[in-house]
Amino acid sequence: MIQANIGQLEKEISQQIIKLYIDRIGKAPSQIICHFFDSEIVISLENSVTQAEQTLLKGGYDSLAEQVRLYLEKLIKPELKNLIEIIIGQSVLDLMTNTNLATGRTGIIVVLNQLP
């Protein structure tokens, strides 16, 4: 990894998450906010819910939409972890994700050993 400042790392992580979401989920979030805090990275995605999930919600299939999202997150989590590790040049200790289907927001918390 080329020595980069935190702002550059945050921008690169955001850009790579957009690509990952397009490739794996078929939809880019409308906005990503990425910030390093001590030994954690906090990432917020706006409008990350797919059209299929929205259709399920509108049809009253809330639990199915939630189940679909859980499986999507489970499938992309290893790729998300890997891309962050490559960008920051160190191992990720833990990565947690959660999506609120009602608001369309996804939160990602990445726990590191130390600030890169």
Protein backbone atom coordinates (compact mmCIF):
# COMPACT_ATOMS: atom_id res chain seq x y z
CA MET A 1 0.00 0.00 0.00
CA ILE A 2 1.28 3.46 -0.86
CA GLN A 3 1.35 5.71 2.18
CA ALA A 4 -1.95 7.59 2.14
CA ASN A 5 -3.64 9.97 4.51
CA ILE A 6 -6.89 9.12 6.27
CA GLY A 7 -8.99 11.25 3.90
CA GLN A 8 -7.62 9.40 0.89
CA LEU A 9 -8.33 6.04 2.57
CA GLU A 10 -11.90 7.09 3.37
CA LYS A 11 -12.45 8.16 -0.24
CA GLU A 12 -10.98 4.92 -1.63
CA ILE A 13 -13.08 2.76 0.71
CA SER A 14 -16.23 4.66 -0.34
CA GLN A 15 -15.45 4.26 -4.06
CA GLN A 16 -14.75 0.54 -3.71
CA ILE A 17 -17.96 -0.03 -1.71
CA ILE A 18 -19.92 1.63 -4.52
CA LYS A 19 -18.34 -0.77 -7.03
CA LEU A 20 -19.01 -3.76 -4.78
CA TYR A 21 -22.67 -2.83 -4.31
CA ILE A 22 -23.15 -2.34 -8.04
CA ASP A 23 -21.48 -5.68 -8.82
CA ARG A 24 -23.11 -7.75 -6.08
CA ILE A 25 -26.42 -6.07 -5.25
CA GLY A 26 -27.10 -4.29 -8.52
CA LYS A 27 -27.53 -0.87 -6.94
CA ALA A 28 -25.12 1.80 -5.81
CA PRO A 29 -25.92 3.70 -2.61
CA SER A 30 -26.74 7.35 -3.33
CA GLN A 31 -24.25 8.55 -0.70
CA ILE A 32 -21.53 7.03 1.45
CA ILE A 33 -20.02 8.62 4.51
CA CYS A 34 -16.83 6.97 5.73
CA HIS A 35 -14.88 8.07 8.82
CA PHE A 36 -12.01 6.66 10.83
CA PHE A 37 -12.37 6.88 14.63
CA ASP A 38 -9.43 5.63 16.68
CA SER A 39 -9.29 1.95 15.72
CA GLU A 40 -12.68 1.83 13.97
CA ILE A 41 -14.11 2.81 10.63
CA VAL A 42 -17.76 3.85 10.57
CA ILE A 43 -19.50 3.78 7.19
CA SER A 44 -23.02 4.97 6.44
CA LEU A 45 -24.77 4.18 3.14
CA GLU A 46 -27.87 6.06 1.99
CA ASN A 47 -30.50 4.47 -0.30
CA SER A 48 -28.89 1.03 -0.22
CA VAL A 49 -32.13 -0.97 -0.46
CA THR A 50 -32.79 -2.70 -3.78
CA GLN A 51 -35.94 -2.37 -5.87
CA ALA A 52 -36.75 -6.03 -5.17
CA GLU A 53 -36.58 -5.42 -1.41
CA GLN A 54 -38.76 -2.32 -1.76
CA THR A 55 -41.31 -4.31 -3.78
CA LEU A 56 -41.42 -7.02 -1.10
CA LEU A 57 -41.95 -4.36 1.60
CA LYS A 58 -44.75 -2.66 -0.35
CA GLY A 59 -46.40 -6.04 -0.87
CA GLY A 60 -46.43 -6.74 2.86
CA TYR A 61 -43.59 -9.27 2.80
CA ASP A 62 -41.47 -7.47 5.38
CA SER A 63 -39.93 -10.58 6.90
CA LEU A 64 -38.99 -11.93 3.46
CA ALA A 65 -37.39 -8.59 2.54
CA GLU A 66 -35.43 -8.67 5.81
CA GLN A 67 -34.35 -12.26 5.13
CA VAL A 68 -33.19 -11.34 1.61
CA ARG A 69 -31.14 -8.44 3.03
CA LEU A 70 -29.59 -10.65 5.71
CA TYR A 71 -28.46 -13.15 3.07
CA LEU A 72 -27.13 -10.39 0.79
CA GLU A 73 -25.10 -8.93 3.64
CA LYS A 74 -23.82 -12.36 4.63
CA LEU A 75 -22.68 -13.00 1.05
CA ILE A 76 -20.89 -9.69 0.50
CA LYS A 77 -19.40 -9.36 4.00
CA PRO A 78 -16.21 -11.36 3.18
CA GLU A 79 -15.64 -9.28 0.03
CA LEU A 80 -16.24 -6.06 1.95
CA LYS A 81 -13.76 -7.13 4.61
CA ASN A 82 -11.19 -8.09 2.00
CA LEU A 83 -11.43 -4.83 0.06
CA ILE A 84 -11.02 -2.80 3.26
CA GLU A 85 -7.99 -4.87 4.29
CA ILE A 86 -6.38 -4.30 0.90
CA ILE A 87 -7.02 -0.55 1.01
CA ILE A 88 -5.76 0.03 4.56
CA GLY A 89 -3.00 -2.58 4.45
CA GLN A 90 -3.92 -4.36 7.67
CA SER A 91 -6.26 -7.01 9.00
CA VAL A 92 -9.82 -6.27 10.04
CA LEU A 93 -10.63 -7.69 13.47
CA ASP A 94 -14.40 -7.49 13.06
CA LEU A 95 -16.93 -6.14 10.56
CA MET A 96 -20.57 -5.60 11.44
CA THR A 97 -23.36 -4.51 9.12
CA ASN A 98 -27.02 -3.65 9.55
CA THR A 99 -29.62 -2.27 7.15
CA ASN A 100 -32.81 -0.49 8.10
CA LEU A 101 -35.17 -1.35 5.25
CA ALA A 102 -37.66 1.34 6.30
CA THR A 103 -35.13 4.17 5.92
CA GLY A 104 -32.92 2.56 3.27
CA ARG A 105 -29.77 3.12 5.32
CA THR A 106 -26.96 0.66 5.92
CA GLY A 107 -24.42 1.00 8.71
CA ILE A 108 -21.04 -0.70 8.67
CA ILE A 109 -18.61 -0.75 11.60
CA VAL A 110 -15.09 -2.01 10.99
CA VAL A 111 -12.88 -2.78 14.00
CA LEU A 112 -9.12 -2.59 13.51
CA ASN A 113 -6.08 -3.27 15.69
CA GLN A 114 -4.89 0.28 15.20
CA LEU A 115 -5.34 3.31 12.98
CA PRO A 116 -3.52 2.78 9.66
